[in-house]
């Protein structure tokens, strides 16, 4: 039997609590949500670029979310899998 880290147990208890309230369980890590929030704040202030900083600015919200999730995955956070 594997030993669970404190963070995963905390996330599991949060998921169970949300299920009792009739809400969907959280599928991703708390740190990953912070990364997504940072990228979305960049997008709202019109400073988010696709690719490098010289690339064109991101205008659509769905593209900003895709960039945020991609960056969170690269950082090693638990995020939902990419849709195919």
C-alpha atoms as a PDB file:
ATOM      1  CA  UNK A   1       0.000   0.000   0.000  1.00  0.00           C
ATOM      2  CA  UNK A   2       1.388   3.371  -1.018  1.00  0.00           C
ATOM      3  CA  UNK A   3       1.732   6.154   1.465  1.00  0.00           C
ATOM      4  CA  UNK A   4      -0.279   9.218   0.449  1.00  0.00           C
ATOM      5  CA  UNK A   5       1.079  12.708   0.801  1.00  0.00           C
ATOM      6  CA  UNK A   6      -0.723  15.267   2.926  1.00  0.00           C
ATOM      7  CA  UNK A   7      -1.707  17.292  -0.127  1.00  0.00           C
ATOM      8  CA  UNK A   8      -3.440  14.409  -1.896  1.00  0.00           C
ATOM      9  CA  UNK A   9      -5.364  13.491   1.265  1.00  0.00           C
ATOM     10  CA  UNK A  10      -6.433  17.106   1.645  1.00  0.00           C
ATOM     11  CA  UNK A  11      -7.574  17.226  -1.985  1.00  0.00           C
ATOM     12  CA  UNK A  12      -9.469  13.956  -1.514  1.00  0.00           C
ATOM     13  CA  UNK A  13     -11.274  15.273   1.553  1.00  0.00           C
ATOM     14  CA  UNK A  14     -12.150  18.431  -0.387  1.00  0.00           C
ATOM     15  CA  UNK A  15     -13.520  16.278  -3.208  1.00  0.00           C
ATOM     16  CA  UNK A  16     -15.628  14.245  -0.756  1.00  0.00           C
ATOM     17  CA  UNK A  17     -16.970  17.421   0.841  1.00  0.00           C
ATOM     18  CA  UNK A  18     -17.946  18.829  -2.556  1.00  0.00           C
ATOM     19  CA  UNK A  19     -19.681  15.555  -3.474  1.00  0.00           C
ATOM     20  CA  UNK A  20     -21.790  15.772  -0.283  1.00  0.00           C
ATOM     21  CA  UNK A  21     -22.828  19.312  -1.253  1.00  0.00           C
ATOM     22  CA  UNK A  22     -23.934  18.060  -4.671  1.00  0.00           C
ATOM     23  CA  UNK A  23     -21.090  19.734  -6.577  1.00  0.00           C
ATOM     24  CA  UNK A  24     -18.546  18.201  -8.925  1.00  0.00           C
ATOM     25  CA  UNK A  25     -15.252  17.129  -7.302  1.00  0.00           C
ATOM     26  CA  UNK A  26     -12.122  19.162  -7.992  1.00  0.00           C
ATOM     27  CA  UNK A  27      -9.947  17.386 -10.553  1.00  0.00           C
ATOM     28  CA  UNK A  28      -6.764  19.390 -10.247  1.00  0.00           C
ATOM     29  CA  UNK A  29      -4.277  20.555  -7.678  1.00  0.00           C
ATOM     30  CA  UNK A  30      -4.481  23.744  -5.666  1.00  0.00           C
ATOM     31  CA  UNK A  31      -1.079  24.909  -6.944  1.00  0.00           C
ATOM     32  CA  UNK A  32      -2.218  24.281 -10.511  1.00  0.00           C
ATOM     33  CA  UNK A  33      -5.223  26.508  -9.935  1.00  0.00           C
ATOM     34  CA  UNK A  34      -2.847  29.262  -8.809  1.00  0.00           C
ATOM     35  CA  UNK A  35      -0.871  28.940 -12.033  1.00  0.00           C
ATOM     36  CA  UNK A  36      -4.062  29.144 -14.091  1.00  0.00           C
ATOM     37  CA  UNK A  37      -5.153  32.219 -12.120  1.00  0.00           C
ATOM     38  CA  UNK A  38      -1.844  33.967 -12.833  1.00  0.00           C
ATOM     39  CA  UNK A  39      -2.118  33.327 -16.580  1.00  0.00           C
ATOM     40  CA  UNK A  40      -5.754  34.420 -16.687  1.00  0.00           C
ATOM     41  CA  UNK A  41      -4.845  37.657 -14.868  1.00  0.00           C
ATOM     42  CA  UNK A  42      -2.225  38.240 -17.572  1.00  0.00           C
ATOM     43  CA  UNK A  43      -4.903  37.690 -20.207  1.00  0.00           C
ATOM     44  CA  UNK A  44      -7.329  40.096 -18.516  1.00  0.00           C
ATOM     45  CA  UNK A  45      -4.683  42.825 -18.398  1.00  0.00           C
ATOM     46  CA  UNK A  46      -3.948  42.154 -22.114  1.00  0.00           C
ATOM     47  CA  UNK A  47      -0.338  41.055 -21.504  1.00  0.00           C
ATOM     48  CA  UNK A  48      -0.617  37.380 -22.511  1.00  0.00           C
ATOM     49  CA  UNK A  49       1.174  36.416 -25.718  1.00  0.00           C
ATOM     50  CA  UNK A  50       0.973  33.181 -27.671  1.00  0.00           C
ATOM     51  CA  UNK A  51       4.443  31.704 -27.943  1.00  0.00           C
ATOM     52  CA  UNK A  52       7.162  34.202 -27.037  1.00  0.00           C
ATOM     53  CA  UNK A  53       6.710  37.757 -25.803  1.00  0.00           C
ATOM     54  CA  UNK A  54       7.152  38.938 -29.389  1.00  0.00           C
ATOM     55  CA  UNK A  55       4.253  36.784 -30.569  1.00  0.00           C
ATOM     56  CA  UNK A  56       0.739  38.088 -31.072  1.00  0.00           C
ATOM     57  CA  UNK A  57      -1.406  38.888 -28.027  1.00  0.00           C
ATOM     58  CA  UNK A  58      -4.049  36.364 -27.027  1.00  0.00           C
ATOM     59  CA  UNK A  59      -7.571  37.715 -27.524  1.00  0.00           C
ATOM     60  CA  UNK A  60      -9.832  34.717 -26.924  1.00  0.00           C
ATOM     61  CA  UNK A  61     -10.554  33.397 -23.454  1.00  0.00           C
ATOM     62  CA  UNK A  62     -10.550  29.759 -24.585  1.00  0.00           C
ATOM     63  CA  UNK A  63      -7.037  30.130 -25.983  1.00  0.00           C
ATOM     64  CA  UNK A  64      -5.903  31.734 -22.704  1.00  0.00           C
ATOM     65  CA  UNK A  65      -7.312  28.793 -20.729  1.00  0.00           C
ATOM     66  CA  UNK A  66      -5.530  26.334 -23.034  1.00  0.00           C
ATOM     67  CA  UNK A  67      -2.220  28.161 -22.502  1.00  0.00           C
ATOM     68  CA  UNK A  68      -2.772  28.234 -18.720  1.00  0.00           C
ATOM     69  CA  UNK A  69      -3.471  24.501 -18.472  1.00  0.00           C
ATOM     70  CA  UNK A  70      -0.531  23.709 -20.726  1.00  0.00           C
ATOM     71  CA  UNK A  71       1.851  25.765 -18.573  1.00  0.00           C
ATOM     72  CA  UNK A  72       0.497  24.130 -15.409  1.00  0.00           C
ATOM     73  CA  UNK A  73       1.079  20.654 -16.886  1.00  0.00           C
ATOM     74  CA  UNK A  74       4.634  21.580 -17.872  1.00  0.00           C
ATOM     75  CA  UNK A  75       5.253  22.779 -14.302  1.00  0.00           C
ATOM     76  CA  UNK A  76       4.244  19.302 -13.103  1.00  0.00           C
ATOM     77  CA  UNK A  77       0.891  20.079 -11.495  1.00  0.00           C
ATOM     78  CA  UNK A  78      -2.031  17.670 -11.700  1.00  0.00           C
ATOM     79  CA  UNK A  79      -4.282  19.040 -14.427  1.00  0.00           C
ATOM     80  CA  UNK A  80      -6.990  17.524 -16.624  1.00  0.00           C
ATOM     81  CA  UNK A  81      -5.776  15.767 -19.755  1.00  0.00           C
ATOM     82  CA  UNK A  82      -5.785  17.581 -23.053  1.00  0.00           C
ATOM     83  CA  UNK A  83      -8.982  17.021 -25.054  1.00  0.00           C
ATOM     84  CA  UNK A  84      -8.654  15.194 -28.342  1.00  0.00           C
END
